[in-house]
């Protein structure tokens, strides 16, 4: 499990358990995450990597902007995660 910048992760522990986030930064044991709604870019959450599960390596426009260090809006994070959440749920609820 190698989580890196711009990946989409799912929280596996805490109050935010089950929510999806974009990874903004990583260091040895921690990742800085934001979803644009509860955890905005101005106040991201610092969370241990062991409490995160890699959901997807995103190739969306938002992920590309994060990788390049360009400015990203909270609304862009929300929209990208909403689209990912819909696809994720449709795959896991009988989209076989």
C-alpha atoms as a PDB file:
ATOM      1  CA  UNK A   1       0.000   0.000   0.000  1.00  0.00           C
ATOM      2  CA  UNK A   2       1.931   2.971  -1.288  1.00  0.00           C
ATOM      3  CA  UNK A   3      -0.183   6.093  -0.953  1.00  0.00           C
ATOM      4  CA  UNK A   4       1.082   9.149  -2.781  1.00  0.00           C
ATOM      5  CA  UNK A   5       0.024  12.687  -3.648  1.00  0.00           C
ATOM      6  CA  UNK A   6      -3.261  13.004  -5.628  1.00  0.00           C
ATOM      7  CA  UNK A   7      -4.500   9.487  -4.767  1.00  0.00           C
ATOM      8  CA  UNK A   8      -8.069   8.981  -3.589  1.00  0.00           C
ATOM      9  CA  UNK A   9      -8.167   7.286  -0.196  1.00  0.00           C
ATOM     10  CA  UNK A  10     -10.877   6.031   2.126  1.00  0.00           C
ATOM     11  CA  UNK A  11     -10.665   6.685   5.843  1.00  0.00           C
ATOM     12  CA  UNK A  12     -10.810   3.431   7.833  1.00  0.00           C
ATOM     13  CA  UNK A  13     -10.861   4.912  11.343  1.00  0.00           C
ATOM     14  CA  UNK A  14     -12.203   7.905  13.215  1.00  0.00           C
ATOM     15  CA  UNK A  15     -15.218  10.131  12.760  1.00  0.00           C
ATOM     16  CA  UNK A  16     -14.589  10.345   9.037  1.00  0.00           C
ATOM     17  CA  UNK A  17     -14.589   6.560   8.579  1.00  0.00           C
ATOM     18  CA  UNK A  18     -15.904   5.535   5.170  1.00  0.00           C
ATOM     19  CA  UNK A  19     -15.385   8.962   3.552  1.00  0.00           C
ATOM     20  CA  UNK A  20     -13.209   9.557   0.500  1.00  0.00           C
ATOM     21  CA  UNK A  21     -10.432  12.150   0.366  1.00  0.00           C
ATOM     22  CA  UNK A  22      -7.699  13.378  -1.954  1.00  0.00           C
ATOM     23  CA  UNK A  23      -4.154  13.115  -0.639  1.00  0.00           C
ATOM     24  CA  UNK A  24      -2.456  16.514  -0.678  1.00  0.00           C
ATOM     25  CA  UNK A  25       0.894  15.524   0.859  1.00  0.00           C
ATOM     26  CA  UNK A  26       2.563  12.501   2.394  1.00  0.00           C
ATOM     27  CA  UNK A  27       5.526  11.948   4.642  1.00  0.00           C
ATOM     28  CA  UNK A  28       6.787   8.812   6.341  1.00  0.00           C
ATOM     29  CA  UNK A  29       3.806   8.015   8.562  1.00  0.00           C
ATOM     30  CA  UNK A  30       1.203  10.674   7.792  1.00  0.00           C
ATOM     31  CA  UNK A  31      -0.864  11.987   4.904  1.00  0.00           C
ATOM     32  CA  UNK A  32      -2.537  15.363   4.607  1.00  0.00           C
ATOM     33  CA  UNK A  33      -6.030  14.884   3.185  1.00  0.00           C
ATOM     34  CA  UNK A  34      -8.953  17.068   2.105  1.00  0.00           C
ATOM     35  CA  UNK A  35     -12.387  16.522   0.568  1.00  0.00           C
ATOM     36  CA  UNK A  36     -13.445  20.133  -0.064  1.00  0.00           C
ATOM     37  CA  UNK A  37     -16.525  19.821   2.137  1.00  0.00           C
ATOM     38  CA  UNK A  38     -15.789  18.918   5.741  1.00  0.00           C
ATOM     39  CA  UNK A  39     -12.020  19.086   5.361  1.00  0.00           C
ATOM     40  CA  UNK A  40     -11.263  22.023   3.111  1.00  0.00           C
ATOM     41  CA  UNK A  41      -7.969  22.862   1.459  1.00  0.00           C
ATOM     42  CA  UNK A  42      -7.441  25.691   3.940  1.00  0.00           C
ATOM     43  CA  UNK A  43      -7.605  23.261   6.886  1.00  0.00           C
ATOM     44  CA  UNK A  44      -6.680  19.765   5.695  1.00  0.00           C
ATOM     45  CA  UNK A  45      -6.568  16.769   8.027  1.00  0.00           C
ATOM     46  CA  UNK A  46      -3.313  15.090   8.981  1.00  0.00           C
ATOM     47  CA  UNK A  47      -4.004  11.372   9.307  1.00  0.00           C
ATOM     48  CA  UNK A  48      -1.838   8.313   9.874  1.00  0.00           C
ATOM     49  CA  UNK A  49      -1.339   6.189   6.768  1.00  0.00           C
ATOM     50  CA  UNK A  50      -2.408   3.061   8.660  1.00  0.00           C
ATOM     51  CA  UNK A  51      -5.885   4.624   8.991  1.00  0.00           C
ATOM     52  CA  UNK A  52      -6.243   5.119   5.239  1.00  0.00           C
ATOM     53  CA  UNK A  53      -7.006   2.649   2.445  1.00  0.00           C
ATOM     54  CA  UNK A  54      -6.059   3.383  -1.143  1.00  0.00           C
ATOM     55  CA  UNK A  55      -9.273   3.588  -3.151  1.00  0.00           C
ATOM     56  CA  UNK A  56      -7.903   4.665  -6.540  1.00  0.00           C
ATOM     57  CA  UNK A  57      -5.059   6.272  -8.370  1.00  0.00           C
ATOM     58  CA  UNK A  58      -6.933   9.110  -9.946  1.00  0.00           C
ATOM     59  CA  UNK A  59      -6.213  10.437 -13.413  1.00  0.00           C
ATOM     60  CA  UNK A  60      -8.804  13.214 -13.181  1.00  0.00           C
ATOM     61  CA  UNK A  61      -8.087  16.843 -13.938  1.00  0.00           C
ATOM     62  CA  UNK A  62      -8.041  17.606 -10.197  1.00  0.00           C
ATOM     63  CA  UNK A  63      -5.458  14.898  -9.533  1.00  0.00           C
ATOM     64  CA  UNK A  64      -3.287  16.248 -12.331  1.00  0.00           C
ATOM     65  CA  UNK A  65      -3.492  19.751 -10.859  1.00  0.00           C
ATOM     66  CA  UNK A  66      -2.501  18.402  -7.429  1.00  0.00           C
ATOM     67  CA  UNK A  67       0.491  16.556  -8.887  1.00  0.00           C
ATOM     68  CA  UNK A  68       1.674  19.659 -10.726  1.00  0.00           C
ATOM     69  CA  UNK A  69       1.147  21.942  -7.742  1.00  0.00           C
ATOM     70  CA  UNK A  70      -1.452  24.105  -9.470  1.00  0.00           C
ATOM     71  CA  UNK A  71      -4.225  25.841  -7.550  1.00  0.00           C
ATOM     72  CA  UNK A  72      -7.249  23.651  -6.816  1.00  0.00           C
ATOM     73  CA  UNK A  73     -10.632  24.783  -5.533  1.00  0.00           C
ATOM     74  CA  UNK A  74     -12.691  23.057  -2.848  1.00  0.00           C
ATOM     75  CA  UNK A  75     -15.541  22.780  -5.344  1.00  0.00           C
ATOM     76  CA  UNK A  76     -13.284  20.856  -7.735  1.00  0.00           C
ATOM     77  CA  UNK A  77     -12.408  18.375  -4.977  1.00  0.00           C
ATOM     78  CA  UNK A  78     -16.087  17.907  -4.095  1.00  0.00           C
ATOM     79  CA  UNK A  79     -17.130  17.299  -7.702  1.00  0.00           C
ATOM     80  CA  UNK A  80     -14.320  14.842  -8.426  1.00  0.00           C
ATOM     81  CA  UNK A  81     -15.011  12.886  -5.225  1.00  0.00           C
ATOM     82  CA  UNK A  82     -18.769  12.846  -5.913  1.00  0.00           C
ATOM     83  CA  UNK A  83     -18.159  11.354  -9.360  1.00  0.00           C
ATOM     84  CA  UNK A  84     -15.735   8.822  -7.910  1.00  0.00           C
ATOM     85  CA  UNK A  85     -18.192   7.924  -5.120  1.00  0.00           C
ATOM     86  CA  UNK A  86     -20.985   7.256  -7.612  1.00  0.00           C
ATOM     87  CA  UNK A  87     -18.745   5.021  -9.733  1.00  0.00           C
ATOM     88  CA  UNK A  88     -17.423   3.236  -6.645  1.00  0.00           C
ATOM     89  CA  UNK A  89     -20.920   2.563  -5.304  1.00  0.00           C
ATOM     90  CA  UNK A  90     -22.250   1.346  -8.658  1.00  0.00           C
ATOM     91  CA  UNK A  91     -19.336  -1.107  -8.968  1.00  0.00           C
ATOM     92  CA  UNK A  92     -19.862  -2.445  -5.450  1.00  0.00           C
ATOM     93  CA  UNK A  93     -23.648  -2.785  -5.662  1.00  0.00           C
ATOM     94  CA  UNK A  94     -24.031  -5.305  -8.404  1.00  0.00           C
ATOM     95  CA  UNK A  95     -22.295  -3.607 -11.277  1.00  0.00           C
ATOM     96  CA  UNK A  96     -20.607  -6.907 -12.126  1.00  0.00           C
END
